[in-house]
Amino acid sequence: MAEWAGVKLTRREAEVAAHIAAGHSNPEIADRLVLSVRTVQTHVSRIYTKLGVTTRATAVSRLARGRDVPEVVGNRGGGRPGARGAERRR
């Protein structure tokens, strides 16, 4: 678990949150983390609930105030082989 902006996030939620804070869209996050867009939407929804926000702009603001945004990197081996994101790669 990681703590960010005063809330506990799972490792994957923290990765998704970093991408949200960096201004990436859900499809961009899915491609970078080799996840389906639906899985990213689920993580985003859980992050919003934990932060107590309803919009992406408010989430970005809250995340930015919580701590410095970590550097966003691509997949670090966290995606599972055969995930839908892998199908989108060309």
PDB file of N, CA and C in Angstrom:
ATOM      1  N   MET A   1       0.836  -1.181   0.000  1.00  0.00           N
ATOM      2  CA  MET A   1       0.000   0.000   0.000  1.00  0.00           C
ATOM      3  C   MET A   1       0.883   1.247   0.000  1.00  0.00           C
ATOM      4  N   ALA A   2       0.396   2.234  -0.697  1.00  0.00           N
ATOM      5  CA  ALA A   2       1.082   3.521  -0.745  1.00  0.00           C
ATOM      6  C   ALA A   2       0.139   4.576  -0.177  1.00  0.00           C
ATOM      7  N   GLU A   3       0.691   5.570   0.449  1.00  0.00           N
ATOM      8  CA  GLU A   3      -0.146   6.663   0.941  1.00  0.00           C
ATOM      9  C   GLU A   3       0.123   7.883   0.082  1.00  0.00           C
ATOM     10  N   TRP A   4      -0.961   8.454  -0.404  1.00  0.00           N
ATOM     11  CA  TRP A   4      -0.849   9.606  -1.279  1.00  0.00           C
ATOM     12  C   TRP A   4      -2.033  10.518  -0.984  1.00  0.00           C
ATOM     13  N   ALA A   5      -1.775  11.767  -0.789  1.00  0.00           N
ATOM     14  CA  ALA A   5      -2.814  12.765  -0.501  1.00  0.00           C
ATOM     15  C   ALA A   5      -3.647  12.351   0.711  1.00  0.00           C
ATOM     16  N   GLY A   6      -2.990  11.673   1.654  1.00  0.00           N
ATOM     17  CA  GLY A   6      -3.662  11.307   2.889  1.00  0.00           C
ATOM     18  C   GLY A   6      -4.532  10.074   2.815  1.00  0.00           C
ATOM     19  N   VAL A   7      -4.511   9.344   1.705  1.00  0.00           N
ATOM     20  CA  VAL A   7      -5.301   8.118   1.579  1.00  0.00           C
ATOM     21  C   VAL A   7      -4.387   6.960   1.201  1.00  0.00           C
ATOM     22  N   LYS A   8      -4.812   5.769   1.568  1.00  0.00           N
ATOM     23  CA  LYS A   8      -4.035   4.577   1.224  1.00  0.00           C
ATOM     24  C   LYS A   8      -4.486   4.055  -0.128  1.00  0.00           C
ATOM     25  N   LEU A   9      -3.524   3.900  -1.014  1.00  0.00           N
ATOM     26  CA  LEU A   9      -3.784   3.366  -2.350  1.00  0.00           C
ATOM     27  C   LEU A   9      -2.961   2.098  -2.529  1.00  0.00           C
ATOM     28  N   THR A  10      -3.515   1.155  -3.294  1.00  0.00           N
ATOM     29  CA  THR A  10      -2.726  -0.018  -3.637  1.00  0.00           C
ATOM     30  C   THR A  10      -1.597   0.422  -4.560  1.00  0.00           C
ATOM     31  N   ARG A  11      -0.637  -0.464  -4.760  1.00  0.00           N
ATOM     32  CA  ARG A  11       0.476  -0.142  -5.659  1.00  0.00           C
ATOM     33  C   ARG A  11      -0.054   0.226  -7.038  1.00  0.00           C
ATOM     34  N   ARG A  12      -0.995  -0.542  -7.563  1.00  0.00           N
ATOM     35  CA  ARG A  12      -1.531  -0.282  -8.902  1.00  0.00           C
ATOM     36  C   ARG A  12      -2.325   1.020  -8.913  1.00  0.00           C
ATOM     37  N   GLU A  13      -3.113   1.282  -7.872  1.00  0.00           N
ATOM     38  CA  GLU A  13      -3.841   2.552  -7.805  1.00  0.00           C
ATOM     39  C   GLU A  13      -2.871   3.724  -7.783  1.00  0.00           C
ATOM     40  N   ALA A  14      -1.767   3.584  -7.066  1.00  0.00           N
ATOM     41  CA  ALA A  14      -0.763   4.656  -7.024  1.00  0.00           C
ATOM     42  C   ALA A  14      -0.164   4.879  -8.402  1.00  0.00           C
ATOM     43  N   GLU A  15       0.081   3.798  -9.149  1.00  0.00           N
ATOM     44  CA  GLU A  15       0.596   3.929 -10.516  1.00  0.00           C
ATOM     45  C   GLU A  15      -0.411   4.660 -11.395  1.00  0.00           C
ATOM     46  N   VAL A  16      -1.681   4.255 -11.301  1.00  0.00           N
ATOM     47  CA  VAL A  16      -2.724   4.904 -12.092  1.00  0.00           C
ATOM     48  C   VAL A  16      -2.868   6.362 -11.666  1.00  0.00           C
ATOM     49  N   ALA A  17      -2.825   6.621 -10.368  1.00  0.00           N
ATOM     50  CA  ALA A  17      -2.940   7.993  -9.864  1.00  0.00           C
ATOM     51  C   ALA A  17      -1.817   8.876 -10.410  1.00  0.00           C
ATOM     52  N   ALA A  18      -0.615   8.331 -10.493  1.00  0.00           N
ATOM     53  CA  ALA A  18       0.508   9.098 -11.040  1.00  0.00           C
ATOM     54  C   ALA A  18       0.240   9.472 -12.493  1.00  0.00           C
ATOM     55  N   HIS A  19      -0.337   8.559 -13.242  1.00  0.00           N
ATOM     56  CA  HIS A  19      -0.667   8.851 -14.637  1.00  0.00           C
ATOM     57  C   HIS A  19      -1.803   9.881 -14.737  1.00  0.00           C
ATOM     58  N   ILE A  20      -2.779   9.771 -13.846  1.00  0.00           N
ATOM     59  CA  ILE A  20      -3.866  10.766 -13.814  1.00  0.00           C
ATOM     60  C   ILE A  20      -3.262  12.147 -13.544  1.00  0.00           C
ATOM     61  N   ALA A  21      -2.402  12.210 -12.533  1.00  0.00           N
ATOM     62  CA  ALA A  21      -1.780  13.490 -12.161  1.00  0.00           C
ATOM     63  C   ALA A  21      -0.915  14.044 -13.290  1.00  0.00           C
ATOM     64  N   ALA A  22      -0.374  13.157 -14.128  1.00  0.00           N
ATOM     65  CA  ALA A  22       0.456  13.586 -15.264  1.00  0.00           C
ATOM     66  C   ALA A  22      -0.387  13.989 -16.470  1.00  0.00           C
ATOM     67  N   GLY A  23      -1.712  13.868 -16.346  1.00  0.00           N
ATOM     68  CA  GLY A  23      -2.606  14.312 -17.418  1.00  0.00           C
ATOM     69  C   GLY A  23      -2.924  13.272 -18.474  1.00  0.00           C
ATOM     70  N   HIS A  24      -2.640  12.013 -18.205  1.00  0.00           N
ATOM     71  CA  HIS A  24      -2.919  10.969 -19.189  1.00  0.00           C
ATOM     72  C   HIS A  24      -4.386  10.542 -19.148  1.00  0.00           C
ATOM     73  N   SER A  25      -4.915  10.209 -20.319  1.00  0.00           N
ATOM     74  CA  SER A  25      -6.294   9.716 -20.422  1.00  0.00           C
ATOM     75  C   SER A  25      -6.341   8.239 -20.035  1.00  0.00           C
ATOM     76  N   ASN A  26      -7.546   7.726 -19.809  1.00  0.00           N
ATOM     77  CA  ASN A  26      -7.682   6.313 -19.468  1.00  0.00           C
ATOM     78  C   ASN A  26      -7.092   5.396 -20.547  1.00  0.00           C
ATOM     79  N   PRO A  27      -7.352   5.623 -21.850  1.00  0.00           N
ATOM     80  CA  PRO A  27      -6.732   4.763 -22.868  1.00  0.00           C
ATOM     81  C   PRO A  27      -5.202   4.849 -22.860  1.00  0.00           C
ATOM     82  N   GLU A  28      -4.657   6.040 -22.601  1.00  0.00           N
ATOM     83  CA  GLU A  28      -3.199   6.181 -22.525  1.00  0.00           C
ATOM     84  C   GLU A  28      -2.645   5.395 -21.338  1.00  0.00           C
ATOM     85  N   ILE A  29      -3.335   5.476 -20.205  1.00  0.00           N
ATOM     86  CA  ILE A  29      -2.901   4.744 -19.020  1.00  0.00           C
ATOM     87  C   ILE A  29      -2.958   3.241 -19.293  1.00  0.00           C
ATOM     88  N   ALA A  30      -4.034   2.806 -19.925  1.00  0.00           N
ATOM     89  CA  ALA A  30      -4.183   1.382 -20.248  1.00  0.00           C
ATOM     90  C   ALA A  30      -3.030   0.895 -21.124  1.00  0.00           C
ATOM     91  N   ASP A  31      -2.693   1.668 -22.137  1.00  0.00           N
ATOM     92  CA  ASP A  31      -1.588   1.289 -23.022  1.00  0.00           C
ATOM     93  C   ASP A  31      -0.261   1.244 -22.273  1.00  0.00           C
ATOM     94  N   ARG A  32      -0.019   2.230 -21.439  1.00  0.00           N
ATOM     95  CA  ARG A  32       1.263   2.321 -20.738  1.00  0.00           C
ATOM     96  C   ARG A  32       1.427   1.224 -19.678  1.00  0.00           C
ATOM     97  N   LEU A  33       0.318   0.832 -19.035  1.00  0.00           N
ATOM     98  CA  LEU A  33       0.386  -0.171 -17.971  1.00  0.00           C
ATOM     99  C   LEU A  33      -0.035  -1.566 -18.443  1.00  0.00           C
ATOM    100  N   VAL A  34      -0.346  -1.686 -19.719  1.00  0.00           N
ATOM    101  CA  VAL A  34      -0.784  -2.947 -20.329  1.00  0.00           C
ATOM    102  C   VAL A  34      -1.989  -3.511 -19.564  1.00  0.00           C
ATOM    103  N   LEU A  35      -3.026  -2.680 -19.494  1.00  0.00           N
ATOM    104  CA  LEU A  35      -4.286  -3.036 -18.870  1.00  0.00           C
ATOM    105  C   LEU A  35      -5.409  -2.742 -19.847  1.00  0.00           C
ATOM    106  N   SER A  36      -6.578  -3.304 -19.603  1.00  0.00           N
ATOM    107  CA  SER A  36      -7.730  -2.919 -20.412  1.00  0.00           C
ATOM    108  C   SER A  36      -8.213  -1.543 -19.941  1.00  0.00           C
ATOM    109  N   VAL A  37      -8.883  -0.827 -20.820  1.00  0.00           N
ATOM    110  CA  VAL A  37      -9.430   0.481 -20.449  1.00  0.00           C
ATOM    111  C   VAL A  37     -10.432   0.306 -19.310  1.00  0.00           C
ATOM    112  N   ARG A  38     -11.206  -0.767 -19.328  1.00  0.00           N
ATOM    113  CA  ARG A  38     -12.192  -1.013 -18.274  1.00  0.00           C
ATOM    114  C   ARG A  38     -11.512  -1.183 -16.907  1.00  0.00           C
ATOM    115  N   THR A  39     -10.381  -1.877 -16.881  1.00  0.00           N
ATOM    116  CA  THR A  39      -9.642  -2.045 -15.623  1.00  0.00           C
ATOM    117  C   THR A  39      -9.150  -0.695 -15.120  1.00  0.00           C
ATOM    118  N   VAL A  40      -8.660   0.138 -16.022  1.00  0.00           N
ATOM    119  CA  VAL A  40      -8.215   1.479 -15.634  1.00  0.00           C
ATOM    120  C   VAL A  40      -9.402   2.273 -15.086  1.00  0.00           C
ATOM    121  N   GLN A  41     -10.564   2.176 -15.737  1.00  0.00           N
ATOM    122  CA  GLN A  41     -11.754   2.880 -15.259  1.00  0.00           C
ATOM    123  C   GLN A  41     -12.101   2.447 -13.836  1.00  0.00           C
ATOM    124  N   THR A  42     -11.958   1.161 -13.556  1.00  0.00           N
ATOM    125  CA  THR A  42     -12.231   0.657 -12.205  1.00  0.00           C
ATOM    126  C   THR A  42     -11.249   1.244 -11.203  1.00  0.00           C
ATOM    127  N   HIS A  43      -9.965   1.262 -11.546  1.00  0.00           N
ATOM    128  CA  HIS A  43      -8.964   1.857 -10.649  1.00  0.00           C
ATOM    129  C   HIS A  43      -9.258   3.342 -10.430  1.00  0.00           C
ATOM    130  N   VAL A  44      -9.580   4.053 -11.503  1.00  0.00           N
ATOM    131  CA  VAL A  44      -9.882   5.489 -11.403  1.00  0.00           C
ATOM    132  C   VAL A  44     -11.081   5.707 -10.477  1.00  0.00           C
ATOM    133  N   SER A  45     -12.113   4.898 -10.644  1.00  0.00           N
ATOM    134  CA  SER A  45     -13.299   5.020  -9.793  1.00  0.00           C
ATOM    135  C   SER A  45     -12.947   4.806  -8.321  1.00  0.00           C
ATOM    136  N   ARG A  46     -12.136   3.810  -8.039  1.00  0.00           N
ATOM    137  CA  ARG A  46     -11.733   3.541  -6.651  1.00  0.00           C
ATOM    138  C   ARG A  46     -10.877   4.675  -6.095  1.00  0.00           C
ATOM    139  N   ILE A  47     -10.007   5.228  -6.931  1.00  0.00           N
ATOM    140  CA  ILE A  47      -9.173   6.363  -6.515  1.00  0.00           C
ATOM    141  C   ILE A  47     -10.065   7.558  -6.181  1.00  0.00           C
ATOM    142  N   TYR A  48     -11.040   7.850  -7.045  1.00  0.00           N
ATOM    143  CA  TYR A  48     -11.967   8.965  -6.792  1.00  0.00           C
ATOM    144  C   TYR A  48     -12.685   8.761  -5.459  1.00  0.00           C
ATOM    145  N   THR A  49     -13.155   7.534  -5.213  1.00  0.00           N
ATOM    146  CA  THR A  49     -13.868   7.249  -3.969  1.00  0.00           C
ATOM    147  C   THR A  49     -12.968   7.476  -2.765  1.00  0.00           C
ATOM    148  N   LYS A  50     -11.741   6.973  -2.834  1.00  0.00           N
ATOM    149  CA  LYS A  50     -10.814   7.136  -1.713  1.00  0.00           C
ATOM    150  C   LYS A  50     -10.440   8.595  -1.479  1.00  0.00           C
ATOM    151  N   LEU A  51     -10.346   9.369  -2.565  1.00  0.00           N
ATOM    152  CA  LEU A  51     -10.015  10.794  -2.440  1.00  0.00           C
ATOM    153  C   LEU A  51     -11.228  11.644  -2.079  1.00  0.00           C
ATOM    154  N   GLY A  52     -12.434  11.078  -2.266  1.00  0.00           N
ATOM    155  CA  GLY A  52     -13.658  11.825  -1.990  1.00  0.00           C
ATOM    156  C   GLY A  52     -13.944  12.877  -3.042  1.00  0.00           C
ATOM    157  N   VAL A  53     -13.628  12.570  -4.310  1.00  0.00           N
ATOM    158  CA  VAL A  53     -13.839  13.511  -5.411  1.00  0.00           C
ATOM    159  C   VAL A  53     -14.723  12.863  -6.471  1.00  0.00           C
ATOM    160  N   THR A  54     -15.241  13.691  -7.383  1.00  0.00           N
ATOM    161  CA  THR A  54     -16.105  13.170  -8.445  1.00  0.00           C
ATOM    162  C   THR A  54     -15.620  13.526  -9.841  1.00  0.00           C
ATOM    163  N   THR A  55     -14.594  14.372  -9.936  1.00  0.00           N
ATOM    164  CA  THR A  55     -14.091  14.754 -11.256  1.00  0.00           C
ATOM    165  C   THR A  55     -12.588  14.544 -11.336  1.00  0.00           C
ATOM    166  N   ARG A  56     -12.118  14.366 -12.554  1.00  0.00           N
ATOM    167  CA  ARG A  56     -10.682  14.168 -12.785  1.00  0.00           C
ATOM    168  C   ARG A  56      -9.898  15.411 -12.381  1.00  0.00           C
ATOM    169  N   ALA A  57     -10.426  16.589 -12.700  1.00  0.00           N
ATOM    170  CA  ALA A  57      -9.732  17.838 -12.366  1.00  0.00           C
ATOM    171  C   ALA A  57      -9.543  17.964 -10.854  1.00  0.00           C
ATOM    172  N   THR A  58     -10.568  17.625 -10.090  1.00  0.00           N
ATOM    173  CA  THR A  58     -10.460  17.689  -8.636  1.00  0.00           C
ATOM    174  C   THR A  58      -9.474  16.643  -8.128  1.00  0.00           C
ATOM    175  N   ALA A  59      -9.483  15.466  -8.740  1.00  0.00           N
ATOM    176  CA  ALA A  59      -8.531  14.416  -8.354  1.00  0.00           C
ATOM    177  C   ALA A  59      -7.110  14.882  -8.608  1.00  0.00           C
ATOM    178  N   VAL A  60      -6.864  15.462  -9.780  1.00  0.00           N
ATOM    179  CA  VAL A  60      -5.515  15.952 -10.113  1.00  0.00           C
ATOM    180  C   VAL A  60      -5.072  16.999  -9.094  1.00  0.00           C
ATOM    181  N   SER A  61      -5.962  17.917  -8.758  1.00  0.00           N
ATOM    182  CA  SER A  61      -5.645  18.956  -7.785  1.00  0.00           C
ATOM    183  C   SER A  61      -5.314  18.352  -6.422  1.00  0.00           C
ATOM    184  N   ARG A  62      -6.130  17.422  -5.990  1.00  0.00           N
ATOM    185  CA  ARG A  62      -5.916  16.788  -4.682  1.00  0.00           C
ATOM    186  C   ARG A  62      -4.626  15.983  -4.672  1.00  0.00           C
ATOM    187  N   LEU A  63      -4.363  15.247  -5.757  1.00  0.00           N
ATOM    188  CA  LEU A  63      -3.132  14.461  -5.835  1.00  0.00           C
ATOM    189  C   LEU A  63      -1.904  15.370  -5.833  1.00  0.00           C
ATOM    190  N   ALA A  64      -1.987  16.487  -6.549  1.00  0.00           N
ATOM    191  CA  ALA A  64      -0.859  17.416  -6.628  1.00  0.00           C
ATOM    192  C   ALA A  64      -0.569  18.039  -5.262  1.00  0.00           C
ATOM    193  N   ARG A  65      -1.601  18.290  -4.479  1.00  0.00           N
ATOM    194  CA  ARG A  65      -1.401  18.861  -3.147  1.00  0.00           C
ATOM    195  C   ARG A  65      -0.924  17.831  -2.141  1.00  0.00           C
ATOM    196  N   GLY A  66      -1.209  16.549  -2.417  1.00  0.00           N
ATOM    197  CA  GLY A  66      -0.869  15.489  -1.474  1.00  0.00           C
ATOM    198  C   GLY A  66       0.613  15.223  -1.370  1.00  0.00           C
ATOM    199  N   ARG A  67       1.302  15.305  -2.461  1.00  0.00           N
ATOM    200  CA  ARG A  67       2.758  15.107  -2.487  1.00  0.00           C
ATOM    201  C   ARG A  67       3.235  15.326  -3.909  1.00  0.00           C
ATOM    202  N   ASP A  68       4.530  15.401  -4.066  1.00  0.00           N
ATOM    203  CA  ASP A  68       5.067  15.542  -5.414  1.00  0.00           C
ATOM    204  C   ASP A  68       4.665  14.333  -6.246  1.00  0.00           C
ATOM    205  N   VAL A  69       4.308  14.589  -7.473  1.00  0.00           N
ATOM    206  CA  VAL A  69       3.904  13.513  -8.367  1.00  0.00           C
ATOM    207  C   VAL A  69       5.150  12.732  -8.757  1.00  0.00           C
ATOM    208  N   PRO A  70       5.138  11.413  -8.531  1.00  0.00           N
ATOM    209  CA  PRO A  70       6.317  10.630  -8.911  1.00  0.00           C
ATOM    210  C   PRO A  70       6.462  10.571 -10.413  1.00  0.00           C
ATOM    211  N   GLU A  71       7.664  10.303 -10.863  1.00  0.00           N
ATOM    212  CA  GLU A  71       7.899  10.164 -12.294  1.00  0.00           C
ATOM    213  C   GLU A  71       7.082   8.992 -12.809  1.00  0.00           C
ATOM    214  N   VAL A  72       6.402   9.208 -13.901  1.00  0.00           N
ATOM    215  CA  VAL A  72       5.578   8.162 -14.485  1.00  0.00           C
ATOM    216  C   VAL A  72       6.421   7.383 -15.476  1.00  0.00           C
ATOM    217  N   VAL A  73       6.452   6.086 -15.270  1.00  0.00           N
ATOM    218  CA  VAL A  73       7.182   5.217 -16.190  1.00  0.00           C
ATOM    219  C   VAL A  73       6.194   4.221 -16.775  1.00  0.00           C
ATOM    220  N   GLY A  74       6.609   3.554 -17.831  1.00  0.00           N
ATOM    221  CA  GLY A  74       5.758   2.562 -18.474  1.00  0.00           C
ATOM    222  C   GLY A  74       5.603   1.330 -17.614  1.00  0.00           C
ATOM    223  N   ASN A  75       5.180   0.255 -18.223  1.00  0.00           N
ATOM    224  CA  ASN A  75       4.958  -0.996 -17.524  1.00  0.00           C
ATOM    225  C   ASN A  75       6.260  -1.478 -16.889  1.00  0.00           C
ATOM    226  N   ARG A  76       6.172  -1.841 -15.629  1.00  0.00           N
ATOM    227  CA  ARG A  76       7.343  -2.373 -14.925  1.00  0.00           C
ATOM    228  C   ARG A  76       7.118  -3.847 -14.623  1.00  0.00           C
ATOM    229  N   GLY A  77       6.481  -4.546 -15.575  1.00  0.00           N
ATOM    230  CA  GLY A  77       6.250  -5.967 -15.389  1.00  0.00           C
ATOM    231  C   GLY A  77       4.998  -6.270 -14.601  1.00  0.00           C
ATOM    232  N   GLY A  78       4.179  -5.261 -14.310  1.00  0.00           N
ATOM    233  CA  GLY A  78       2.988  -5.480 -13.512  1.00  0.00           C
ATOM    234  C   GLY A  78       1.808  -6.025 -14.287  1.00  0.00           C
ATOM    235  N   GLY A  79       1.800  -5.850 -15.606  1.00  0.00           N
ATOM    236  CA  GLY A  79       0.685  -6.355 -16.392  1.00  0.00           C
ATOM    237  C   GLY A  79       0.797  -7.846 -16.591  1.00  0.00           C
ATOM    238  N   ARG A  80      -0.337  -8.483 -16.783  1.00  0.00           N
ATOM    239  CA  ARG A  80      -0.285  -9.929 -16.970  1.00  0.00           C
ATOM    240  C   ARG A  80      -0.169 -10.257 -18.444  1.00  0.00           C
ATOM    241  N   PRO A  81       0.545 -11.308 -18.789  1.00  0.00           N
ATOM    242  CA  PRO A  81       0.670 -11.691 -20.197  1.00  0.00           C
ATOM    243  C   PRO A  81      -0.700 -11.967 -20.777  1.00  0.00           C
ATOM    244  N   GLY A  82      -0.903 -11.558 -21.987  1.00  0.00           N
ATOM    245  CA  GLY A  82      -2.179 -11.788 -22.657  1.00  0.00           C
ATOM    246  C   GLY A  82      -3.253 -10.792 -22.297  1.00  0.00           C
ATOM    247  N   ALA A  83      -2.931  -9.783 -21.514  1.00  0.00           N
ATOM    248  CA  ALA A  83      -3.924  -8.775 -21.165  1.00  0.00           C
ATOM    249  C   ALA A  83      -4.346  -8.038 -22.414  1.00  0.00           C
ATOM    250  N   ARG A  84      -5.535  -7.500 -22.400  1.00  0.00           N
ATOM    251  CA  ARG A  84      -6.074  -6.847 -23.578  1.00  0.00           C
ATOM    252  C   ARG A  84      -5.183  -5.718 -24.079  1.00  0.00           C
ATOM    253  N   GLY A  85      -4.467  -5.070 -23.177  1.00  0.00           N
ATOM    254  CA  GLY A  85      -3.580  -3.991 -23.580  1.00  0.00           C
ATOM    255  C   GLY A  85      -2.507  -4.461 -24.537  1.00  0.00           C
ATOM    256  N   ALA A  86      -2.077  -5.697 -24.372  1.00  0.00           N
ATOM    257  CA  ALA A  86      -1.032  -6.240 -25.245  1.00  0.00           C
ATOM    258  C   ALA A  86      -1.543  -6.361 -26.674  1.00  0.00           C
ATOM    259  N   GLU A  87      -2.849  -6.573 -26.838  1.00  0.00           N
ATOM    260  CA  GLU A  87      -3.425  -6.703 -28.175  1.00  0.00           C
ATOM    261  C   GLU A  87      -3.380  -5.377 -28.918  1.00  0.00           C
ATOM    262  N   ARG A  88      -3.376  -4.270 -28.204  1.00  0.00           N
ATOM    263  CA  ARG A  88      -3.407  -2.957 -28.853  1.00  0.00           C
ATOM    264  C   ARG A  88      -2.038  -2.550 -29.370  1.00  0.00           C
ATOM    265  N   ARG A  89      -0.996  -3.202 -28.874  1.00  0.00           N
ATOM    266  CA  ARG A  89       0.338  -2.828 -29.333  1.00  0.00           C
ATOM    267  C   ARG A  89       0.509  -3.222 -30.783  1.00  0.00           C
ATOM    268  N   ARG A  90       1.199  -2.390 -31.531  1.00  0.00           N
ATOM    269  CA  ARG A  90       1.419  -2.686 -32.942  1.00  0.00           C
ATOM    270  C   ARG A  90       2.882  -2.860 -33.196  1.00  0.00           C
TER     271      ARG A  90
END
